[in-house]
């Protein structure tokens, strides 16, 4: 048994997923009043930034509003992250992940500074954009409405994520979702990959 666990390699993706799950479990067992305090100090908001809580750009990425919120983001992280970390390397992958989360947070706060933002969706949207930029023609199977499998080229997944987020943002539909964070994270992922692409050895 011990040798089995020693053979398990801790990768950046596994570490990030484990950290997200751990934070979720710890916050879920707190009383509601203490959960509100956690969101106040670790979630991202314009008022928090005005008080100098710049760490919120990082910490908000590890808080989630429910099990479905967590599960969807971790599925996206697992799907894109396992490929990207092999191409980018561990340090660059973690940097990209956090950068996309920060980029998503910046745009969301610029658009809607009032509500507190939590979740890894900005970072994950950035990974989707990076993945679809590096491998635009790779055939993948995406889950439409998280249920229906649809075959498409990777670039269409990135276009769909950004397109839907922009549509929801402009129309006000699903305005309880951080659509600005999705777009900001995707822009950060796309721009970073384009800037660094000459250093990658990518087979398309």
C-alpha atoms as a PDB file:
ATOM      1  CA  UNK A   1       0.000   0.000   0.000  1.00  0.00           C
ATOM      2  CA  UNK A   2       2.759   2.440   0.979  1.00  0.00           C
ATOM      3  CA  UNK A   3       4.716   1.734  -2.222  1.00  0.00           C
ATOM      4  CA  UNK A   4       1.547   2.390  -4.240  1.00  0.00           C
ATOM      5  CA  UNK A   5       1.190   5.862  -2.737  1.00  0.00           C
ATOM      6  CA  UNK A   6       4.889   6.578  -3.223  1.00  0.00           C
ATOM      7  CA  UNK A   7       4.451   5.914  -6.945  1.00  0.00           C
ATOM      8  CA  UNK A   8       1.712   8.549  -7.252  1.00  0.00           C
ATOM      9  CA  UNK A   9       3.264  11.658  -8.795  1.00  0.00           C
ATOM     10  CA  UNK A  10       1.999  14.999  -7.519  1.00  0.00           C
ATOM     11  CA  UNK A  11       1.598  17.240 -10.565  1.00  0.00           C
ATOM     12  CA  UNK A  12       0.597  20.926 -10.611  1.00  0.00           C
ATOM     13  CA  UNK A  13      -2.876  20.005 -11.848  1.00  0.00           C
ATOM     14  CA  UNK A  14      -3.417  17.473  -9.066  1.00  0.00           C
ATOM     15  CA  UNK A  15      -2.060  19.925  -6.493  1.00  0.00           C
ATOM     16  CA  UNK A  16      -4.368  22.717  -7.664  1.00  0.00           C
ATOM     17  CA  UNK A  17      -7.397  20.427  -7.712  1.00  0.00           C
ATOM     18  CA  UNK A  18      -6.521  19.090  -4.269  1.00  0.00           C
ATOM     19  CA  UNK A  19      -6.095  22.607  -2.891  1.00  0.00           C
ATOM     20  CA  UNK A  20      -9.426  23.722  -4.349  1.00  0.00           C
ATOM     21  CA  UNK A  21     -11.198  20.706  -2.847  1.00  0.00           C
ATOM     22  CA  UNK A  22      -9.508  21.201   0.526  1.00  0.00           C
ATOM     23  CA  UNK A  23     -10.483  24.877   0.693  1.00  0.00           C
ATOM     24  CA  UNK A  24     -14.047  24.014  -0.322  1.00  0.00           C
ATOM     25  CA  UNK A  25     -14.389  21.370   2.397  1.00  0.00           C
ATOM     26  CA  UNK A  26     -12.899  23.650   5.055  1.00  0.00           C
ATOM     27  CA  UNK A  27     -15.203  26.539   4.165  1.00  0.00           C
ATOM     28  CA  UNK A  28     -18.282  24.326   3.919  1.00  0.00           C
ATOM     29  CA  UNK A  29     -17.911  23.094   7.499  1.00  0.00           C
ATOM     30  CA  UNK A  30     -17.766  26.641   8.836  1.00  0.00           C
ATOM     31  CA  UNK A  31     -20.876  28.296  10.279  1.00  0.00           C
ATOM     32  CA  UNK A  32     -22.596  30.724   7.857  1.00  0.00           C
ATOM     33  CA  UNK A  33     -21.296  33.765   9.733  1.00  0.00           C
ATOM     34  CA  UNK A  34     -17.700  32.612   9.373  1.00  0.00           C
ATOM     35  CA  UNK A  35     -18.244  31.710   5.718  1.00  0.00           C
ATOM     36  CA  UNK A  36     -19.318  35.314   5.164  1.00  0.00           C
ATOM     37  CA  UNK A  37     -16.088  36.497   6.791  1.00  0.00           C
ATOM     38  CA  UNK A  38     -14.053  34.229   4.506  1.00  0.00           C
ATOM     39  CA  UNK A  39     -15.836  35.590   1.438  1.00  0.00           C
ATOM     40  CA  UNK A  40     -15.350  39.137   2.712  1.00  0.00           C
ATOM     41  CA  UNK A  41     -11.583  38.830   3.097  1.00  0.00           C
ATOM     42  CA  UNK A  42     -10.676  36.194   0.487  1.00  0.00           C
ATOM     43  CA  UNK A  43     -13.306  36.754  -2.214  1.00  0.00           C
ATOM     44  CA  UNK A  44     -12.614  39.457  -4.800  1.00  0.00           C
ATOM     45  CA  UNK A  45     -14.517  42.733  -4.646  1.00  0.00           C
ATOM     46  CA  UNK A  46     -14.003  46.379  -5.476  1.00  0.00           C
ATOM     47  CA  UNK A  47     -14.487  47.343  -1.846  1.00  0.00           C
ATOM     48  CA  UNK A  48     -11.897  44.826  -0.707  1.00  0.00           C
ATOM     49  CA  UNK A  49      -9.352  46.100  -3.209  1.00  0.00           C
ATOM     50  CA  UNK A  50     -10.083  49.670  -2.117  1.00  0.00           C
ATOM     51  CA  UNK A  51      -9.077  48.601   1.393  1.00  0.00           C
ATOM     52  CA  UNK A  52      -5.784  47.239   0.078  1.00  0.00           C
ATOM     53  CA  UNK A  53      -6.668  43.538   0.041  1.00  0.00           C
ATOM     54  CA  UNK A  54      -4.698  42.831  -3.124  1.00  0.00           C
ATOM     55  CA  UNK A  55      -4.281  39.183  -2.144  1.00  0.00           C
ATOM     56  CA  UNK A  56      -7.893  38.726  -3.191  1.00  0.00           C
ATOM     57  CA  UNK A  57      -6.732  38.461  -6.818  1.00  0.00           C
ATOM     58  CA  UNK A  58      -5.216  35.097  -5.852  1.00  0.00           C
ATOM     59  CA  UNK A  59      -7.401  33.838  -3.019  1.00  0.00           C
ATOM     60  CA  UNK A  60     -10.746  34.286  -4.774  1.00  0.00           C
ATOM     61  CA  UNK A  61      -9.693  31.635  -7.283  1.00  0.00           C
ATOM     62  CA  UNK A  62      -9.799  28.916  -4.601  1.00  0.00           C
ATOM     63  CA  UNK A  63     -13.274  29.642  -3.195  1.00  0.00           C
ATOM     64  CA  UNK A  64     -16.426  28.091  -4.652  1.00  0.00           C
ATOM     65  CA  UNK A  65     -20.128  28.621  -4.088  1.00  0.00           C
ATOM     66  CA  UNK A  66     -21.185  24.966  -4.218  1.00  0.00           C
ATOM     67  CA  UNK A  67     -20.272  21.452  -5.265  1.00  0.00           C
ATOM     68  CA  UNK A  68     -21.441  21.953  -8.867  1.00  0.00           C
ATOM     69  CA  UNK A  69     -19.444  25.180  -9.166  1.00  0.00           C
ATOM     70  CA  UNK A  70     -16.373  23.350  -7.897  1.00  0.00           C
ATOM     71  CA  UNK A  71     -16.927  20.234 -10.028  1.00  0.00           C
ATOM     72  CA  UNK A  72     -17.317  22.112 -13.315  1.00  0.00           C
ATOM     73  CA  UNK A  73     -14.179  24.162 -12.734  1.00  0.00           C
ATOM     74  CA  UNK A  74     -12.124  21.158 -11.659  1.00  0.00           C
ATOM     75  CA  UNK A  75     -13.246  19.200 -14.731  1.00  0.00           C
ATOM     76  CA  UNK A  76     -12.055  22.054 -16.932  1.00  0.00           C
ATOM     77  CA  UNK A  77      -8.777  22.262 -15.038  1.00  0.00           C
ATOM     78  CA  UNK A  78      -8.194  18.515 -15.351  1.00  0.00           C
ATOM     79  CA  UNK A  79      -9.035  18.388 -19.064  1.00  0.00           C
ATOM     80  CA  UNK A  80      -6.864  21.306 -20.188  1.00  0.00           C
ATOM     81  CA  UNK A  81      -4.263  21.247 -17.451  1.00  0.00           C
ATOM     82  CA  UNK A  82      -2.911  17.753 -18.032  1.00  0.00           C
ATOM     83  CA  UNK A  83      -1.956  18.693 -21.583  1.00  0.00           C
ATOM     84  CA  UNK A  84      -0.776  22.223 -20.908  1.00  0.00           C
ATOM     85  CA  UNK A  85       1.505  21.364 -18.005  1.00  0.00           C
ATOM     86  CA  UNK A  86       3.392  18.882 -20.212  1.00  0.00           C
ATOM     87  CA  UNK A  87       3.898  21.538 -22.884  1.00  0.00           C
ATOM     88  CA  UNK A  88       4.631  24.507 -20.643  1.00  0.00           C
ATOM     89  CA  UNK A  89       6.378  22.884 -17.712  1.00  0.00           C
ATOM     90  CA  UNK A  90       5.235  23.006 -14.098  1.00  0.00           C
ATOM     91  CA  UNK A  91       6.278  26.566 -13.215  1.00  0.00           C
ATOM     92  CA  UNK A  92       4.989  28.157 -16.397  1.00  0.00           C
ATOM     93  CA  UNK A  93       1.709  26.273 -16.095  1.00  0.00           C
ATOM     94  CA  UNK A  94       1.067  27.435 -12.531  1.00  0.00           C
ATOM     95  CA  UNK A  95       2.058  30.969 -13.532  1.00  0.00           C
ATOM     96  CA  UNK A  96      -0.376  30.872 -16.458  1.00  0.00           C
ATOM     97  CA  UNK A  97      -3.164  29.521 -14.251  1.00  0.00           C
ATOM     98  CA  UNK A  98      -2.785  32.278 -11.675  1.00  0.00           C
ATOM     99  CA  UNK A  99      -2.252  34.929 -14.354  1.00  0.00           C
ATOM    100  CA  UNK A 100      -5.522  34.005 -16.051  1.00  0.00           C
ATOM    101  CA  UNK A 101      -7.308  34.148 -12.716  1.00  0.00           C
ATOM    102  CA  UNK A 102      -5.872  37.594 -12.070  1.00  0.00           C
ATOM    103  CA  UNK A 103      -6.784  38.768 -15.569  1.00  0.00           C
ATOM    104  CA  UNK A 104     -10.315  37.498 -15.119  1.00  0.00           C
ATOM    105  CA  UNK A 105     -10.588  39.181 -11.745  1.00  0.00           C
ATOM    106  CA  UNK A 106      -9.391  42.526 -13.092  1.00  0.00           C
ATOM    107  CA  UNK A 107     -11.954  42.626 -15.894  1.00  0.00           C
ATOM    108  CA  UNK A 108     -14.789  41.430 -13.655  1.00  0.00           C
ATOM    109  CA  UNK A 109     -14.071  44.109 -11.036  1.00  0.00           C
ATOM    110  CA  UNK A 110     -13.835  46.764 -13.748  1.00  0.00           C
ATOM    111  CA  UNK A 111     -17.240  45.722 -15.087  1.00  0.00           C
ATOM    112  CA  UNK A 112     -18.972  44.941 -11.795  1.00  0.00           C
ATOM    113  CA  UNK A 113     -17.028  46.048  -8.700  1.00  0.00           C
ATOM    114  CA  UNK A 114     -19.887  45.487  -6.252  1.00  0.00           C
ATOM    115  CA  UNK A 115     -20.601  41.742  -5.976  1.00  0.00           C
ATOM    116  CA  UNK A 116     -17.942  39.489  -4.477  1.00  0.00           C
ATOM    117  CA  UNK A 117     -16.348  37.203  -7.067  1.00  0.00           C
ATOM    118  CA  UNK A 118     -15.280  33.665  -6.178  1.00  0.00           C
ATOM    119  CA  UNK A 119     -14.267  30.638  -8.218  1.00  0.00           C
ATOM    120  CA  UNK A 120     -11.617  29.296 -10.566  1.00  0.00           C
ATOM    121  CA  UNK A 121     -13.642  29.869 -13.736  1.00  0.00           C
ATOM    122  CA  UNK A 122     -11.540  32.846 -14.848  1.00  0.00           C
ATOM    123  CA  UNK A 123      -8.368  30.774 -14.555  1.00  0.00           C
ATOM    124  CA  UNK A 124      -9.974  27.756 -16.227  1.00  0.00           C
ATOM    125  CA  UNK A 125     -11.332  29.891 -19.082  1.00  0.00           C
ATOM    126  CA  UNK A 126      -7.789  31.114 -19.594  1.00  0.00           C
ATOM    127  CA  UNK A 127      -6.529  27.536 -19.778  1.00  0.00           C
ATOM    128  CA  UNK A 128      -9.236  26.701 -22.323  1.00  0.00           C
ATOM    129  CA  UNK A 129      -8.169  29.695 -24.418  1.00  0.00           C
ATOM    130  CA  UNK A 130      -4.498  28.738 -24.133  1.00  0.00           C
ATOM    131  CA  UNK A 131      -5.244  25.134 -25.058  1.00  0.00           C
ATOM    132  CA  UNK A 132      -7.405  26.064 -28.059  1.00  0.00           C
ATOM    133  CA  UNK A 133      -4.753  28.542 -29.227  1.00  0.00           C
ATOM    134  CA  UNK A 134      -1.936  25.998 -29.029  1.00  0.00           C
ATOM    135  CA  UNK A 135      -3.986  23.148 -30.519  1.00  0.00           C
ATOM    136  CA  UNK A 136      -6.674  24.845 -32.635  1.00  0.00           C
ATOM    137  CA  UNK A 137      -7.416  21.827 -34.844  1.00  0.00           C
ATOM    138  CA  UNK A 138      -7.155  19.088 -32.254  1.00  0.00           C
ATOM    139  CA  UNK A 139     -10.384  17.014 -32.249  1.00  0.00           C
ATOM    140  CA  UNK A 140     -11.962  16.961 -28.805  1.00  0.00           C
ATOM    141  CA  UNK A 141     -15.246  15.889 -27.236  1.00  0.00           C
ATOM    142  CA  UNK A 142     -16.972  18.651 -25.295  1.00  0.00           C
ATOM    143  CA  UNK A 143     -20.029  18.143 -23.099  1.00  0.00           C
ATOM    144  CA  UNK A 144     -22.864  20.411 -24.203  1.00  0.00           C
ATOM    145  CA  UNK A 145     -24.809  21.455 -21.100  1.00  0.00           C
ATOM    146  CA  UNK A 146     -22.371  19.117 -19.282  1.00  0.00           C
ATOM    147  CA  UNK A 147     -24.346  16.129 -20.594  1.00  0.00           C
ATOM    148  CA  UNK A 148     -24.403  15.869 -24.404  1.00  0.00           C
ATOM    149  CA  UNK A 149     -21.046  14.876 -25.990  1.00  0.00           C
ATOM    150  CA  UNK A 150     -20.175  16.981 -29.046  1.00  0.00           C
ATOM    151  CA  UNK A 151     -17.127  16.468 -31.277  1.00  0.00           C
ATOM    152  CA  UNK A 152     -15.384  19.649 -32.378  1.00  0.00           C
ATOM    153  CA  UNK A 153     -12.002  21.187 -33.022  1.00  0.00           C
ATOM    154  CA  UNK A 154     -10.402  22.726 -29.944  1.00  0.00           C
ATOM    155  CA  UNK A 155     -10.549  26.256 -31.338  1.00  0.00           C
ATOM    156  CA  UNK A 156     -14.347  26.073 -31.348  1.00  0.00           C
ATOM    157  CA  UNK A 157     -14.364  25.297 -27.647  1.00  0.00           C
ATOM    158  CA  UNK A 158     -12.425  28.481 -26.960  1.00  0.00           C
ATOM    159  CA  UNK A 159     -14.642  30.497 -29.287  1.00  0.00           C
ATOM    160  CA  UNK A 160     -17.761  29.062 -27.642  1.00  0.00           C
ATOM    161  CA  UNK A 161     -16.609  29.874 -24.109  1.00  0.00           C
ATOM    162  CA  UNK A 162     -15.752  33.472 -24.978  1.00  0.00           C
ATOM    163  CA  UNK A 163     -18.747  33.938 -27.267  1.00  0.00           C
ATOM    164  CA  UNK A 164     -21.284  32.717 -24.718  1.00  0.00           C
ATOM    165  CA  UNK A 165     -19.695  34.751 -21.936  1.00  0.00           C
ATOM    166  CA  UNK A 166     -19.784  37.879 -24.098  1.00  0.00           C
ATOM    167  CA  UNK A 167     -23.400  37.214 -25.072  1.00  0.00           C
ATOM    168  CA  UNK A 168     -24.453  36.740 -21.445  1.00  0.00           C
ATOM    169  CA  UNK A 169     -22.531  39.850 -20.424  1.00  0.00           C
ATOM    170  CA  UNK A 170     -24.137  42.061 -23.066  1.00  0.00           C
ATOM    171  CA  UNK A 171     -27.666  40.723 -22.583  1.00  0.00           C
ATOM    172  CA  UNK A 172     -27.618  40.476 -18.801  1.00  0.00           C
ATOM    173  CA  UNK A 173     -28.516  36.790 -18.889  1.00  0.00           C
ATOM    174  CA  UNK A 174     -26.988  34.717 -16.093  1.00  0.00           C
ATOM    175  CA  UNK A 175     -25.643  37.917 -14.551  1.00  0.00           C
ATOM    176  CA  UNK A 176     -24.914  36.029 -11.327  1.00  0.00           C
ATOM    177  CA  UNK A 177     -22.067  34.314 -13.199  1.00  0.00           C
ATOM    178  CA  UNK A 178     -18.699  36.046 -13.552  1.00  0.00           C
ATOM    179  CA  UNK A 179     -18.872  36.422 -17.327  1.00  0.00           C
ATOM    180  CA  UNK A 180     -16.344  39.238 -17.223  1.00  0.00           C
ATOM    181  CA  UNK A 181     -13.953  36.918 -15.406  1.00  0.00           C
ATOM    182  CA  UNK A 182     -14.383  34.289 -18.127  1.00  0.00           C
ATOM    183  CA  UNK A 183     -13.560  36.821 -20.846  1.00  0.00           C
ATOM    184  CA  UNK A 184     -10.677  38.399 -18.936  1.00  0.00           C
ATOM    185  CA  UNK A 185      -9.162  35.021 -18.143  1.00  0.00           C
ATOM    186  CA  UNK A 186      -9.493  33.886 -21.755  1.00  0.00           C
ATOM    187  CA  UNK A 187      -7.837  37.086 -22.999  1.00  0.00           C
ATOM    188  CA  UNK A 188      -4.968  36.614 -20.563  1.00  0.00           C
ATOM    189  CA  UNK A 189      -4.478  32.999 -21.647  1.00  0.00           C
ATOM    190  CA  UNK A 190      -4.632  33.841 -25.338  1.00  0.00           C
ATOM    191  CA  UNK A 191      -2.213  36.783 -25.072  1.00  0.00           C
ATOM    192  CA  UNK A 192       0.281  34.889 -22.926  1.00  0.00           C
ATOM    193  CA  UNK A 193       0.370  31.945 -25.316  1.00  0.00           C
ATOM    194  CA  UNK A 194       0.773  34.223 -28.335  1.00  0.00           C
ATOM    195  CA  UNK A 195       3.633  36.021 -26.593  1.00  0.00           C
ATOM    196  CA  UNK A 196       5.397  32.810 -25.581  1.00  0.00           C
ATOM    197  CA  UNK A 197       4.386  30.561 -28.474  1.00  0.00           C
ATOM    198  CA  UNK A 198       7.760  30.641 -30.182  1.00  0.00           C
ATOM    199  CA  UNK A 199       9.213  28.812 -27.161  1.00  0.00           C
ATOM    200  CA  UNK A 200       6.764  25.905 -27.375  1.00  0.00           C
ATOM    201  CA  UNK A 201       7.201  22.758 -29.437  1.00  0.00           C
ATOM    202  CA  UNK A 202       3.631  22.053 -30.421  1.00  0.00           C
ATOM    203  CA  UNK A 203       2.346  19.484 -32.894  1.00  0.00           C
ATOM    204  CA  UNK A 204      -0.937  20.668 -34.407  1.00  0.00           C
END
